[in-house]
Amino acid sequence: MNYALGFWFGAKLVSEKSFNDNSGLNYTASDVVIIFFTLYMGNLSLSGLPESLASFNVSRISMRKILLIIDRRSRVIEGSHLVPEKIESICFKNVMFRY
């Protein structure tokens, strides 16, 4: 569908002898090819977008779980003192991510 739109629009510009603002001339057959490949590359770029959005959603859910663990009030008692209610800093070591 996208490719047909590119060829149709390019052919329409050539048949109407539209003025090309970039070159200062009328559109030619080479401009049709440029329009086609521009739409083709745009389509390729946008086709990977859903996978990226899914990855962002998974990372957001994971971060929410981590924050719930960090903010959780501990029920462990050390001697006569409670463990601090709020954790001030955390250091992660040997953490690996895979994509």
PDB file of N, CA and C in Angstrom:
ATOM      1  N   MET A   1       0.830  -1.190   0.000  1.00  0.00           N
ATOM      2  CA  MET A   1       0.000   0.000   0.000  1.00  0.00           C
ATOM      3  C   MET A   1       0.875   1.255   0.000  1.00  0.00           C
ATOM      4  N   ASN A   2       1.870   1.251   0.871  1.00  0.00           N
ATOM      5  CA  ASN A   2       2.754   2.404   0.980  1.00  0.00           C
ATOM      6  C   ASN A   2       3.533   2.632  -0.310  1.00  0.00           C
ATOM      7  N   TYR A   3       3.968   1.535  -0.940  1.00  0.00           N
ATOM      8  CA  TYR A   3       4.744   1.660  -2.169  1.00  0.00           C
ATOM      9  C   TYR A   3       3.865   2.151  -3.313  1.00  0.00           C
ATOM     10  N   ALA A   4       2.650   1.635  -3.367  1.00  0.00           N
ATOM     11  CA  ALA A   4       1.717   2.091  -4.403  1.00  0.00           C
ATOM     12  C   ALA A   4       1.434   3.580  -4.238  1.00  0.00           C
ATOM     13  N   LEU A   5       1.298   4.029  -3.008  1.00  0.00           N
ATOM     14  CA  LEU A   5       1.076   5.446  -2.746  1.00  0.00           C
ATOM     15  C   LEU A   5       2.260   6.273  -3.235  1.00  0.00           C
ATOM     16  N   GLY A   6       3.485   5.789  -3.020  1.00  0.00           N
ATOM     17  CA  GLY A   6       4.673   6.506  -3.473  1.00  0.00           C
ATOM     18  C   GLY A   6       4.724   6.642  -4.985  1.00  0.00           C
ATOM     19  N   PHE A   7       4.444   5.536  -5.697  1.00  0.00           N
ATOM     20  CA  PHE A   7       4.458   5.607  -7.157  1.00  0.00           C
ATOM     21  C   PHE A   7       3.307   6.459  -7.681  1.00  0.00           C
ATOM     22  N   TRP A   8       2.130   6.331  -7.073  1.00  0.00           N
ATOM     23  CA  TRP A   8       0.987   7.128  -7.522  1.00  0.00           C
ATOM     24  C   TRP A   8       1.250   8.613  -7.326  1.00  0.00           C
ATOM     25  N   PHE A   9       1.740   8.993  -6.152  1.00  0.00           N
ATOM     26  CA  PHE A   9       1.975  10.407  -5.874  1.00  0.00           C
ATOM     27  C   PHE A   9       3.071  10.968  -6.775  1.00  0.00           C
ATOM     28  N   GLY A  10       4.143  10.197  -6.970  1.00  0.00           N
ATOM     29  CA  GLY A  10       5.212  10.645  -7.856  1.00  0.00           C
ATOM     30  C   GLY A  10       4.732  10.792  -9.290  1.00  0.00           C
ATOM     31  N   ALA A  11       3.968   9.813  -9.773  1.00  0.00           N
ATOM     32  CA  ALA A  11       3.441   9.888 -11.137  1.00  0.00           C
ATOM     33  C   ALA A  11       2.462  11.053 -11.279  1.00  0.00           C
ATOM     34  N   LYS A  12       1.688  11.325 -10.247  1.00  0.00           N
ATOM     35  CA  LYS A  12       0.744  12.451 -10.273  1.00  0.00           C
ATOM     36  C   LYS A  12       1.502  13.772 -10.396  1.00  0.00           C
ATOM     37  N   LEU A  13       2.588  13.905  -9.646  1.00  0.00           N
ATOM     38  CA  LEU A  13       3.378  15.141  -9.724  1.00  0.00           C
ATOM     39  C   LEU A  13       3.993  15.318 -11.113  1.00  0.00           C
ATOM     40  N   VAL A  14       4.455  14.209 -11.719  1.00  0.00           N
ATOM     41  CA  VAL A  14       5.049  14.297 -13.059  1.00  0.00           C
ATOM     42  C   VAL A  14       3.979  14.627 -14.093  1.00  0.00           C
ATOM     43  N   SER A  15       2.821  13.951 -14.017  1.00  0.00           N
ATOM     44  CA  SER A  15       1.775  14.171 -15.025  1.00  0.00           C
ATOM     45  C   SER A  15       1.181  15.577 -14.938  1.00  0.00           C
ATOM     46  N   GLU A  16       1.123  16.147 -13.748  1.00  0.00           N
ATOM     47  CA  GLU A  16       0.594  17.510 -13.598  1.00  0.00           C
ATOM     48  C   GLU A  16       1.664  18.570 -13.872  1.00  0.00           C
ATOM     49  N   LYS A  17       2.885  18.113 -14.137  1.00  0.00           N
ATOM     50  CA  LYS A  17       4.023  19.016 -14.361  1.00  0.00           C
ATOM     51  C   LYS A  17       4.153  20.019 -13.218  1.00  0.00           C
ATOM     52  N   SER A  18       4.106  19.455 -12.000  1.00  0.00           N
ATOM     53  CA  SER A  18       4.233  20.283 -10.796  1.00  0.00           C
ATOM     54  C   SER A  18       5.650  20.822 -10.689  1.00  0.00           C
ATOM     55  N   PHE A  19       5.775  21.937 -10.014  1.00  0.00           N
ATOM     56  CA  PHE A  19       7.059  22.612  -9.852  1.00  0.00           C
ATOM     57  C   PHE A  19       7.754  22.077  -8.616  1.00  0.00           C
ATOM     58  N   ASN A  20       9.012  21.648  -8.772  1.00  0.00           N
ATOM     59  CA  ASN A  20       9.809  21.127  -7.667  1.00  0.00           C
ATOM     60  C   ASN A  20      10.565  22.292  -7.029  1.00  0.00           C
ATOM     61  N   ASP A  21      10.236  22.612  -5.792  1.00  0.00           N
ATOM     62  CA  ASP A  21      10.868  23.740  -5.110  1.00  0.00           C
ATOM     63  C   ASP A  21      12.352  23.508  -4.845  1.00  0.00           C
ATOM     64  N   ASN A  22      12.771  22.251  -4.701  1.00  0.00           N
ATOM     65  CA  ASN A  22      14.172  21.967  -4.391  1.00  0.00           C
ATOM     66  C   ASN A  22      15.093  22.185  -5.586  1.00  0.00           C
ATOM     67  N   SER A  23      14.683  21.707  -6.751  1.00  0.00           N
ATOM     68  CA  SER A  23      15.554  21.817  -7.922  1.00  0.00           C
ATOM     69  C   SER A  23      15.223  23.019  -8.794  1.00  0.00           C
ATOM     70  N   GLY A  24      14.047  23.589  -8.639  1.00  0.00           N
ATOM     71  CA  GLY A  24      13.639  24.718  -9.471  1.00  0.00           C
ATOM     72  C   GLY A  24      13.102  24.288 -10.822  1.00  0.00           C
ATOM     73  N   LEU A  25      12.928  22.968 -11.022  1.00  0.00           N
ATOM     74  CA  LEU A  25      12.413  22.434 -12.285  1.00  0.00           C
ATOM     75  C   LEU A  25      11.138  21.671 -12.026  1.00  0.00           C
ATOM     76  N   ASN A  26      10.520  21.179 -13.107  1.00  0.00           N
ATOM     77  CA  ASN A  26       9.350  20.310 -12.947  1.00  0.00           C
ATOM     78  C   ASN A  26       9.804  18.935 -12.471  1.00  0.00           C
ATOM     79  N   TYR A  27       8.885  18.193 -11.859  1.00  0.00           N
ATOM     80  CA  TYR A  27       9.210  16.838 -11.405  1.00  0.00           C
ATOM     81  C   TYR A  27       9.477  15.944 -12.606  1.00  0.00           C
ATOM     82  N   THR A  28      10.423  15.008 -12.440  1.00  0.00           N
ATOM     83  CA  THR A  28      10.773  14.061 -13.498  1.00  0.00           C
ATOM     84  C   THR A  28      10.615  12.641 -12.971  1.00  0.00           C
ATOM     85  N   ALA A  29      10.914  11.667 -13.823  1.00  0.00           N
ATOM     86  CA  ALA A  29      10.811  10.257 -13.423  1.00  0.00           C
ATOM     87  C   ALA A  29      11.790   9.941 -12.300  1.00  0.00           C
ATOM     88  N   SER A  30      12.944  10.589 -12.293  1.00  0.00           N
ATOM     89  CA  SER A  30      13.897  10.333 -11.208  1.00  0.00           C
ATOM     90  C   SER A  30      13.343  10.812  -9.863  1.00  0.00           C
ATOM     91  N   ASP A  31      12.527  11.855  -9.880  1.00  0.00           N
ATOM     92  CA  ASP A  31      11.890  12.309  -8.639  1.00  0.00           C
ATOM     93  C   ASP A  31      10.885  11.283  -8.131  1.00  0.00           C
ATOM     94  N   VAL A  32      10.233  10.559  -9.056  1.00  0.00           N
ATOM     95  CA  VAL A  32       9.306   9.491  -8.657  1.00  0.00           C
ATOM     96  C   VAL A  32      10.072   8.409  -7.902  1.00  0.00           C
ATOM     97  N   VAL A  33      11.244   8.051  -8.399  1.00  0.00           N
ATOM     98  CA  VAL A  33      12.063   7.025  -7.737  1.00  0.00           C
ATOM     99  C   VAL A  33      12.514   7.520  -6.366  1.00  0.00           C
ATOM    100  N   ILE A  34      12.888   8.785  -6.262  1.00  0.00           N
ATOM    101  CA  ILE A  34      13.297   9.348  -4.977  1.00  0.00           C
ATOM    102  C   ILE A  34      12.139   9.331  -3.986  1.00  0.00           C
ATOM    103  N   ILE A  35      10.949   9.711  -4.443  1.00  0.00           N
ATOM    104  CA  ILE A  35       9.755   9.682  -3.575  1.00  0.00           C
ATOM    105  C   ILE A  35       9.475   8.254  -3.122  1.00  0.00           C
ATOM    106  N   PHE A  36       9.579   7.289  -4.042  1.00  0.00           N
ATOM    107  CA  PHE A  36       9.329   5.890  -3.695  1.00  0.00           C
ATOM    108  C   PHE A  36      10.292   5.420  -2.609  1.00  0.00           C
ATOM    109  N   PHE A  37      11.597   5.658  -2.812  1.00  0.00           N
ATOM    110  CA  PHE A  37      12.569   5.175  -1.841  1.00  0.00           C
ATOM    111  C   PHE A  37      12.485   5.941  -0.513  1.00  0.00           C
ATOM    112  N   THR A  38      12.059   7.184  -0.549  1.00  0.00           N
ATOM    113  CA  THR A  38      11.851   7.923   0.696  1.00  0.00           C
ATOM    114  C   THR A  38      10.730   7.289   1.507  1.00  0.00           C
ATOM    115  N   LEU A  39       9.625   6.961   0.846  1.00  0.00           N
ATOM    116  CA  LEU A  39       8.529   6.284   1.546  1.00  0.00           C
ATOM    117  C   LEU A  39       8.932   4.885   1.989  1.00  0.00           C
ATOM    118  N   TYR A  40       9.732   4.203   1.170  1.00  0.00           N
ATOM    119  CA  TYR A  40      10.199   2.862   1.514  1.00  0.00           C
ATOM    120  C   TYR A  40      11.055   2.887   2.784  1.00  0.00           C
ATOM    121  N   MET A  41      12.005   3.807   2.854  1.00  0.00           N
ATOM    122  CA  MET A  41      12.871   3.905   4.037  1.00  0.00           C
ATOM    123  C   MET A  41      12.072   4.347   5.264  1.00  0.00           C
ATOM    124  N   GLY A  42      11.121   5.248   5.074  1.00  0.00           N
ATOM    125  CA  GLY A  42      10.268   5.650   6.194  1.00  0.00           C
ATOM    126  C   GLY A  42       9.455   4.491   6.723  1.00  0.00           C
ATOM    127  N   ASN A  43       8.953   3.656   5.812  1.00  0.00           N
ATOM    128  CA  ASN A  43       8.177   2.487   6.206  1.00  0.00           C
ATOM    129  C   ASN A  43       9.049   1.498   6.969  1.00  0.00           C
ATOM    130  N   LEU A  44      10.284   1.289   6.530  1.00  0.00           N
ATOM    131  CA  LEU A  44      11.197   0.389   7.246  1.00  0.00           C
ATOM    132  C   LEU A  44      11.497   0.909   8.649  1.00  0.00           C
ATOM    133  N   SER A  45      11.672   2.219   8.761  1.00  0.00           N
ATOM    134  CA  SER A  45      11.977   2.800  10.072  1.00  0.00           C
ATOM    135  C   SER A  45      10.804   2.654  11.028  1.00  0.00           C
ATOM    136  N   LEU A  46       9.611   2.884  10.542  1.00  0.00           N
ATOM    137  CA  LEU A  46       8.432   2.814  11.409  1.00  0.00           C
ATOM    138  C   LEU A  46       8.017   1.380  11.727  1.00  0.00           C
ATOM    139  N   SER A  47       8.454   0.405  10.924  1.00  0.00           N
ATOM    140  CA  SER A  47       8.050  -0.976  11.181  1.00  0.00           C
ATOM    141  C   SER A  47       8.699  -1.531  12.449  1.00  0.00           C
ATOM    142  N   GLY A  48       9.829  -0.983  12.881  1.00  0.00           N
ATOM    143  CA  GLY A  48      10.476  -1.444  14.112  1.00  0.00           C
ATOM    144  C   GLY A  48       9.967  -0.764  15.365  1.00  0.00           C
ATOM    145  N   LEU A  49       9.087   0.202  15.209  1.00  0.00           N
ATOM    146  CA  LEU A  49       8.595   0.974  16.352  1.00  0.00           C
ATOM    147  C   LEU A  49       7.809   0.140  17.369  1.00  0.00           C
ATOM    148  N   PRO A  50       6.900  -0.756  16.963  1.00  0.00           N
ATOM    149  CA  PRO A  50       6.149  -1.526  17.979  1.00  0.00           C
ATOM    150  C   PRO A  50       7.042  -2.353  18.906  1.00  0.00           C
ATOM    151  N   GLU A  51       8.113  -2.933  18.370  1.00  0.00           N
ATOM    152  CA  GLU A  51       9.015  -3.721  19.218  1.00  0.00           C
ATOM    153  C   GLU A  51       9.705  -2.835  20.250  1.00  0.00           C
ATOM    154  N   SER A  52      10.091  -1.642  19.844  1.00  0.00           N
ATOM    155  CA  SER A  52      10.740  -0.727  20.782  1.00  0.00           C
ATOM    156  C   SER A  52       9.777  -0.288  21.871  1.00  0.00           C
ATOM    157  N   LEU A  53       8.542   0.001  21.493  1.00  0.00           N
ATOM    158  CA  LEU A  53       7.545   0.409  22.489  1.00  0.00           C
ATOM    159  C   LEU A  53       7.258  -0.717  23.471  1.00  0.00           C
ATOM    160  N   ALA A  54       7.240  -1.949  22.983  1.00  0.00           N
ATOM    161  CA  ALA A  54       7.027  -3.094  23.882  1.00  0.00           C
ATOM    162  C   ALA A  54       8.177  -3.219  24.875  1.00  0.00           C
ATOM    163  N   SER A  55       9.401  -2.987  24.411  1.00  0.00           N
ATOM    164  CA  SER A  55      10.563  -3.061  25.310  1.00  0.00           C
ATOM    165  C   SER A  55      10.498  -1.976  26.376  1.00  0.00           C
ATOM    166  N   PHE A  56      10.078  -0.769  26.000  1.00  0.00           N
ATOM    167  CA  PHE A  56       9.934   0.294  26.982  1.00  0.00           C
ATOM    168  C   PHE A  56       8.874  -0.053  28.022  1.00  0.00           C
ATOM    169  N   ASN A  57       7.799  -0.690  27.595  1.00  0.00           N
ATOM    170  CA  ASN A  57       6.743  -1.059  28.528  1.00  0.00           C
ATOM    171  C   ASN A  57       7.237  -2.119  29.512  1.00  0.00           C
ATOM    172  N   VAL A  58       7.997  -3.092  29.030  1.00  0.00           N
ATOM    173  CA  VAL A  58       8.549  -4.126  29.915  1.00  0.00           C
ATOM    174  C   VAL A  58       9.507  -3.505  30.926  1.00  0.00           C
ATOM    175  N   SER A  59      10.342  -2.584  30.466  1.00  0.00           N
ATOM    176  CA  SER A  59      11.288  -1.949  31.396  1.00  0.00           C
ATOM    177  C   SER A  59      10.563  -1.086  32.417  1.00  0.00           C
ATOM    178  N   ARG A  60       9.480  -0.443  32.021  1.00  0.00           N
ATOM    179  CA  ARG A  60       8.711   0.369  32.959  1.00  0.00           C
ATOM    180  C   ARG A  60       8.075  -0.500  34.048  1.00  0.00           C
ATOM    181  N   ILE A  61       7.551  -1.645  33.660  1.00  0.00           N
ATOM    182  CA  ILE A  61       6.952  -2.568  34.632  1.00  0.00           C
ATOM    183  C   ILE A  61       8.024  -3.096  35.585  1.00  0.00           C
ATOM    184  N   SER A  62       9.198  -3.431  35.042  1.00  0.00           N
ATOM    185  CA  SER A  62      10.293  -3.928  35.888  1.00  0.00           C
ATOM    186  C   SER A  62      10.757  -2.868  36.875  1.00  0.00           C
ATOM    187  N   MET A  63      10.858  -1.629  36.410  1.00  0.00           N
ATOM    188  CA  MET A  63      11.280  -0.546  37.302  1.00  0.00           C
ATOM    189  C   MET A  63      10.261  -0.325  38.416  1.00  0.00           C
ATOM    190  N   ARG A  64       9.000  -0.454  38.100  1.00  0.00           N
ATOM    191  CA  ARG A  64       7.956  -0.308  39.126  1.00  0.00           C
ATOM    192  C   ARG A  64       8.114  -1.376  40.209  1.00  0.00           C
ATOM    193  N   LYS A  65       8.424  -2.608  39.808  1.00  0.00           N
ATOM    194  CA  LYS A  65       8.622  -3.689  40.785  1.00  0.00           C
ATOM    195  C   LYS A  65       9.838  -3.405  41.663  1.00  0.00           C
ATOM    196  N   ILE A  66      10.912  -2.901  41.056  1.00  0.00           N
ATOM    197  CA  ILE A  66      12.114  -2.566  41.826  1.00  0.00           C
ATOM    198  C   ILE A  66      11.813  -1.458  42.829  1.00  0.00           C
ATOM    199  N   LEU A  67      11.084  -0.429  42.406  1.00  0.00           N
ATOM    200  CA  LEU A  67      10.752   0.672  43.315  1.00  0.00           C
ATOM    201  C   LEU A  67       9.847   0.222  44.452  1.00  0.00           C
ATOM    202  N   LEU A  68       8.951  -0.710  44.185  1.00  0.00           N
ATOM    203  CA  LEU A  68       8.109  -1.234  45.264  1.00  0.00           C
ATOM    204  C   LEU A  68       8.945  -1.976  46.302  1.00  0.00           C
ATOM    205  N   ILE A  69       9.961  -2.688  45.840  1.00  0.00           N
ATOM    206  CA  ILE A  69      10.847  -3.394  46.779  1.00  0.00           C
ATOM    207  C   ILE A  69      11.666  -2.398  47.590  1.00  0.00           C
ATOM    208  N   ILE A  70      12.171  -1.360  46.944  1.00  0.00           N
ATOM    209  CA  ILE A  70      12.985  -0.364  47.641  1.00  0.00           C
ATOM    210  C   ILE A  70      12.161   0.392  48.680  1.00  0.00           C
ATOM    211  N   ASP A  71      10.942   0.751  48.348  1.00  0.00           N
ATOM    212  CA  ASP A  71      10.108   1.551  49.248  1.00  0.00           C
ATOM    213  C   ASP A  71       9.395   0.720  50.313  1.00  0.00           C
ATOM    214  N   ARG A  72       9.506  -0.584  50.244  1.00  0.00           N
ATOM    215  CA  ARG A  72       8.816  -1.459  51.197  1.00  0.00           C
ATOM    216  C   ARG A  72       9.397  -1.296  52.596  1.00  0.00           C
ATOM    217  N   ARG A  73       8.537  -1.239  53.576  1.00  0.00           N
ATOM    218  CA  ARG A  73       8.971  -1.139  54.965  1.00  0.00           C
ATOM    219  C   ARG A  73       9.367  -2.527  55.456  1.00  0.00           C
ATOM    220  N   SER A  74      10.565  -2.618  55.998  1.00  0.00           N
ATOM    221  CA  SER A  74      11.087  -3.896  56.429  1.00  0.00           C
ATOM    222  C   SER A  74      10.486  -4.296  57.775  1.00  0.00           C
ATOM    223  N   ARG A  75      10.211  -5.595  57.935  1.00  0.00           N
ATOM    224  CA  ARG A  75       9.692  -6.093  59.211  1.00  0.00           C
ATOM    225  C   ARG A  75      10.779  -6.790  60.021  1.00  0.00           C
ATOM    226  N   VAL A  76      12.014  -6.681  59.579  1.00  0.00           N
ATOM    227  CA  VAL A  76      13.140  -7.327  60.265  1.00  0.00           C
ATOM    228  C   VAL A  76      13.606  -6.421  61.399  1.00  0.00           C
ATOM    229  N   ILE A  77      13.862  -7.012  62.562  1.00  0.00           N
ATOM    230  CA  ILE A  77      14.338  -6.251  63.718  1.00  0.00           C
ATOM    231  C   ILE A  77      15.750  -6.716  64.035  1.00  0.00           C
ATOM    232  N   GLU A  78      16.676  -5.777  64.107  1.00  0.00           N
ATOM    233  CA  GLU A  78      18.048  -6.077  64.503  1.00  0.00           C
ATOM    234  C   GLU A  78      18.222  -5.679  65.961  1.00  0.00           C
ATOM    235  N   GLY A  79      18.297  -6.637  66.814  1.00  0.00           N
ATOM    236  CA  GLY A  79      18.434  -6.338  68.238  1.00  0.00           C
ATOM    237  C   GLY A  79      17.222  -5.553  68.709  1.00  0.00           C
ATOM    238  N   SER A  80      17.468  -4.369  69.268  1.00  0.00           N
ATOM    239  CA  SER A  80      16.363  -3.548  69.751  1.00  0.00           C
ATOM    240  C   SER A  80      16.038  -2.422  68.776  1.00  0.00           C
ATOM    241  N   HIS A  81      16.730  -2.352  67.652  1.00  0.00           N
ATOM    242  CA  HIS A  81      16.511  -1.269  66.686  1.00  0.00           C
ATOM    243  C   HIS A  81      15.856  -1.809  65.417  1.00  0.00           C
ATOM    244  N   LEU A  82      14.928  -1.073  64.914  1.00  0.00           N
ATOM    245  CA  LEU A  82      14.328  -1.424  63.625  1.00  0.00           C
ATOM    246  C   LEU A  82      15.280  -1.059  62.486  1.00  0.00           C
ATOM    247  N   VAL A  83      15.211  -1.795  61.427  1.00  0.00           N
ATOM    248  CA  VAL A  83      15.985  -1.457  60.232  1.00  0.00           C
ATOM    249  C   VAL A  83      15.446  -0.124  59.709  1.00  0.00           C
ATOM    250  N   PRO A  84      16.301   0.770  59.206  1.00  0.00           N
ATOM    251  CA  PRO A  84      15.829   2.076  58.739  1.00  0.00           C
ATOM    252  C   PRO A  84      14.657   1.951  57.775  1.00  0.00           C
ATOM    253  N   GLU A  85      13.684   2.847  57.933  1.00  0.00           N
ATOM    254  CA  GLU A  85      12.481   2.789  57.113  1.00  0.00           C
ATOM    255  C   GLU A  85      12.760   3.114  55.656  1.00  0.00           C
ATOM    256  N   LYS A  86      13.669   4.038  55.418  1.00  0.00           N
ATOM    257  CA  LYS A  86      13.939   4.452  54.050  1.00  0.00           C
ATOM    258  C   LYS A  86      15.381   4.145  53.689  1.00  0.00           C
ATOM    259  N   ILE A  87      15.572   3.549  52.536  1.00  0.00           N
ATOM    260  CA  ILE A  87      16.912   3.240  52.062  1.00  0.00           C
ATOM    261  C   ILE A  87      17.441   4.474  51.353  1.00  0.00           C
ATOM    262  N   GLU A  88      18.587   4.947  51.784  1.00  0.00           N
ATOM    263  CA  GLU A  88      19.153   6.181  51.215  1.00  0.00           C
ATOM    264  C   GLU A  88      19.898   5.931  49.912  1.00  0.00           C
ATOM    265  N   SER A  89      20.612   4.809  49.810  1.00  0.00           N
ATOM    266  CA  SER A  89      21.349   4.547  48.575  1.00  0.00           C
ATOM    267  C   SER A  89      21.476   3.043  48.372  1.00  0.00           C
ATOM    268  N   ILE A  90      21.565   2.672  47.119  1.00  0.00           N
ATOM    269  CA  ILE A  90      21.704   1.262  46.744  1.00  0.00           C
ATOM    270  C   ILE A  90      22.788   1.179  45.683  1.00  0.00           C
ATOM    271  N   CYS A  91      23.615   0.173  45.789  1.00  0.00           N
ATOM    272  CA  CYS A  91      24.673  -0.036  44.803  1.00  0.00           C
ATOM    273  C   CYS A  91      24.426  -1.397  44.148  1.00  0.00           C
ATOM    274  N   PHE A  92      24.256  -1.417  42.843  1.00  0.00           N
ATOM    275  CA  PHE A  92      24.075  -2.648  42.087  1.00  0.00           C
ATOM    276  C   PHE A  92      25.421  -3.063  41.508  1.00  0.00           C
ATOM    277  N   LYS A  93      25.813  -4.322  41.725  1.00  0.00           N
ATOM    278  CA  LYS A  93      27.062  -4.839  41.172  1.00  0.00           C
ATOM    279  C   LYS A  93      26.760  -6.071  40.345  1.00  0.00           C
ATOM    280  N   ASN A  94      27.535  -6.219  39.281  1.00  0.00           N
ATOM    281  CA  ASN A  94      27.399  -7.360  38.377  1.00  0.00           C
ATOM    282  C   ASN A  94      25.978  -7.517  37.833  1.00  0.00           C
ATOM    283  N   VAL A  95      25.377  -6.414  37.432  1.00  0.00           N
ATOM    284  CA  VAL A  95      24.054  -6.424  36.844  1.00  0.00           C
ATOM    285  C   VAL A  95      24.216  -6.442  35.340  1.00  0.00           C
ATOM    286  N   MET A  96      23.506  -7.356  34.671  1.00  0.00           N
ATOM    287  CA  MET A  96      23.608  -7.463  33.223  1.00  0.00           C
ATOM    288  C   MET A  96      22.230  -7.321  32.600  1.00  0.00           C
ATOM    289  N   PHE A  97      22.159  -6.690  31.448  1.00  0.00           N
ATOM    290  CA  PHE A  97      20.920  -6.526  30.698  1.00  0.00           C
ATOM    291  C   PHE A  97      21.074  -7.209  29.347  1.00  0.00           C
ATOM    292  N   ARG A  98      20.008  -7.832  28.889  1.00  0.00           N
ATOM    293  CA  ARG A  98      20.011  -8.455  27.563  1.00  0.00           C
ATOM    294  C   ARG A  98      18.869  -7.883  26.759  1.00  0.00           C
ATOM    295  N   TYR A  99      19.139  -7.656  25.505  1.00  0.00           N
ATOM    296  CA  TYR A  99      18.101  -7.138  24.599  1.00  0.00           C
ATOM    297  C   TYR A  99      17.936  -8.090  23.442  1.00  0.00           C
TER     298      TYR A  99
END
